């Protein structure tokens, strides 16, 4: 199997599993990220935003795999690159860096960008 296909499927699978956890067991999903499971509107926001993030980026990976269009997985990588950047910039607001999340964001962004580059490159065609 070719590298960009493997990266797309692997990343999409990991992200859809995380999304499923937010759908079926959001309290466990929040705790796995070191977060307090919020109440009221905060809980609604927490569940919908994290589910949307992981499900949408997973779909981008799978669309890229099926269409072989690099733009889809590139966009997923961009989301995780920005998450990593804002993970660090959150320190400007007295928030600690979430190192586990930062490592995951860098890995996800790297996988997506490598896949996008290989899909786009003429050597893959």
Protein backbone atom coordinates (compact mmCIF):
# COMPACT_ATOMS: atom_id res chain seq x y z
CA UNK A 1 0.00 0.00 0.00
CA UNK A 2 1.25 3.44 -0.84
CA UNK A 3 2.38 5.81 1.89
CA UNK A 4 -0.19 8.60 1.38
CA UNK A 5 -3.04 6.07 1.36
CA UNK A 6 -1.75 4.49 4.55
CA UNK A 7 -1.36 7.85 6.27
CA UNK A 8 -4.83 8.99 5.19
CA UNK A 9 -6.52 5.81 6.41
CA UNK A 10 -4.51 5.63 9.63
CA UNK A 11 -5.10 9.26 10.57
CA UNK A 12 -8.77 9.11 9.55
CA UNK A 13 -9.28 5.98 11.65
CA UNK A 14 -7.64 7.46 14.74
CA UNK A 15 -9.69 10.64 14.41
CA UNK A 16 -12.99 8.82 13.88
CA UNK A 17 -12.31 6.71 16.97
CA UNK A 18 -11.76 9.88 18.99
CA UNK A 19 -14.97 11.37 17.52
CA UNK A 20 -16.88 8.19 18.42
CA UNK A 21 -15.65 8.49 21.99
CA UNK A 22 -17.01 12.06 22.11
CA UNK A 23 -20.34 10.80 20.74
CA UNK A 24 -20.80 7.74 22.96
CA UNK A 25 -18.78 8.53 26.08
CA UNK A 26 -18.05 12.25 26.24
CA UNK A 27 -17.11 12.24 29.91
CA UNK A 28 -14.42 9.64 29.25
CA UNK A 29 -13.28 11.59 26.18
CA UNK A 30 -12.95 14.79 28.20
CA UNK A 31 -11.06 13.05 30.99
CA UNK A 32 -8.69 11.45 28.47
CA UNK A 33 -7.71 14.97 27.42
CA UNK A 34 -7.26 16.07 31.04
CA UNK A 35 -10.41 18.20 30.88
CA UNK A 36 -13.21 18.67 33.35
CA UNK A 37 -16.51 17.49 31.91
CA UNK A 38 -18.47 20.74 32.00
CA UNK A 39 -22.12 21.39 32.88
CA UNK A 40 -24.97 23.12 31.04
CA UNK A 41 -24.12 25.15 27.95
CA UNK A 42 -20.42 24.49 28.56
CA UNK A 43 -21.02 20.73 28.27
CA UNK A 44 -23.01 21.22 25.07
CA UNK A 45 -20.23 23.35 23.60
CA UNK A 46 -17.56 20.91 24.72
CA UNK A 47 -19.30 17.87 23.20
CA UNK A 48 -20.37 19.48 19.93
CA UNK A 49 -17.11 21.30 19.24
CA UNK A 50 -14.83 18.35 19.93
CA UNK A 51 -17.08 15.92 18.07
CA UNK A 52 -17.25 18.26 15.08
CA UNK A 53 -13.47 18.79 15.11
CA UNK A 54 -12.55 15.12 15.15
CA UNK A 55 -15.35 13.93 12.89
CA UNK A 56 -14.80 16.63 10.25
CA UNK A 57 -11.03 16.13 10.10
CA UNK A 58 -11.54 12.37 9.94
CA UNK A 59 -13.90 12.84 7.00
CA UNK A 60 -11.31 15.04 5.29
CA UNK A 61 -8.76 12.23 5.58
CA UNK A 62 -11.16 9.66 4.13
CA UNK A 63 -12.26 11.97 1.31
CA UNK A 64 -8.61 12.53 0.44
CA UNK A 65 -8.03 8.76 0.42
CA UNK A 66 -10.97 8.06 -1.90
CA UNK A 67 -10.45 11.01 -4.26
CA UNK A 68 -6.64 11.17 -4.10
CA UNK A 69 -7.00 14.95 -3.80
CA UNK A 70 -4.35 16.40 -1.52
CA UNK A 71 -6.39 19.48 -0.59
CA UNK A 72 -8.66 17.55 1.79
CA UNK A 73 -5.97 16.07 4.00
CA UNK A 74 -3.96 19.27 3.77
CA UNK A 75 -6.92 21.08 5.36
CA UNK A 76 -7.04 18.50 8.15
CA UNK A 77 -3.32 19.06 8.73
CA UNK A 78 -3.86 22.81 8.83
CA UNK A 79 -6.46 22.41 11.58
CA UNK A 80 -4.01 20.43 13.75
CA UNK A 81 -1.11 22.78 12.99
CA UNK A 82 -3.23 25.71 14.16
CA UNK A 83 -4.31 23.74 17.24
CA UNK A 84 -0.63 23.18 18.08
CA UNK A 85 0.18 26.86 17.59
CA UNK A 86 -2.70 27.98 19.80
CA UNK A 87 -1.83 25.33 22.37
CA UNK A 88 1.44 27.21 22.86
CA UNK A 89 -0.05 30.70 22.50
CA UNK A 90 -2.60 29.89 25.24
CA UNK A 91 0.26 30.49 27.69
CA UNK A 92 -0.34 34.21 27.03
CA UNK A 93 -3.58 33.75 28.98
CA UNK A 94 -2.02 31.88 31.90
CA UNK A 95 -2.97 28.45 30.53
CA UNK A 96 -0.41 25.67 30.78
CA UNK A 97 0.81 23.96 27.62
CA UNK A 98 -1.00 20.66 27.19
CA UNK A 99 2.08 18.65 26.16
CA UNK A 100 0.28 15.40 25.38
CA UNK A 101 -2.15 17.24 23.14
CA UNK A 102 0.68 19.24 21.57
CA UNK A 103 2.54 16.06 20.63
CA UNK A 104 -0.64 14.57 19.14
CA UNK A 105 -1.35 17.76 17.20
CA UNK A 106 2.16 17.81 15.76
CA UNK A 107 1.97 14.12 14.81
CA UNK A 108 -1.48 14.54 13.22
CA UNK A 109 -0.39 17.64 11.28
CA UNK A 110 2.81 15.93 10.12
CA UNK A 111 0.96 12.83 8.94
CA UNK A 112 -1.54 14.97 7.05
CA UNK A 113 1.08 17.22 5.44
CA UNK A 114 3.27 14.30 4.40
CA UNK A 115 0.27 12.58 2.86
CA UNK A 116 -0.81 15.79 1.09
CA UNK A 117 2.69 16.32 -0.28
CA UNK A 118 2.86 12.76 -1.57
CA UNK A 119 -0.61 12.94 -3.11
CA UNK A 120 0.37 16.17 -4.85
CA UNK A 121 3.80 15.07 -5.99
CA UNK A 122 4.19 13.88 -9.53
CA UNK A 123 6.01 10.76 -8.31
CA UNK A 124 2.79 9.48 -6.74
CA UNK A 125 0.68 9.83 -9.90
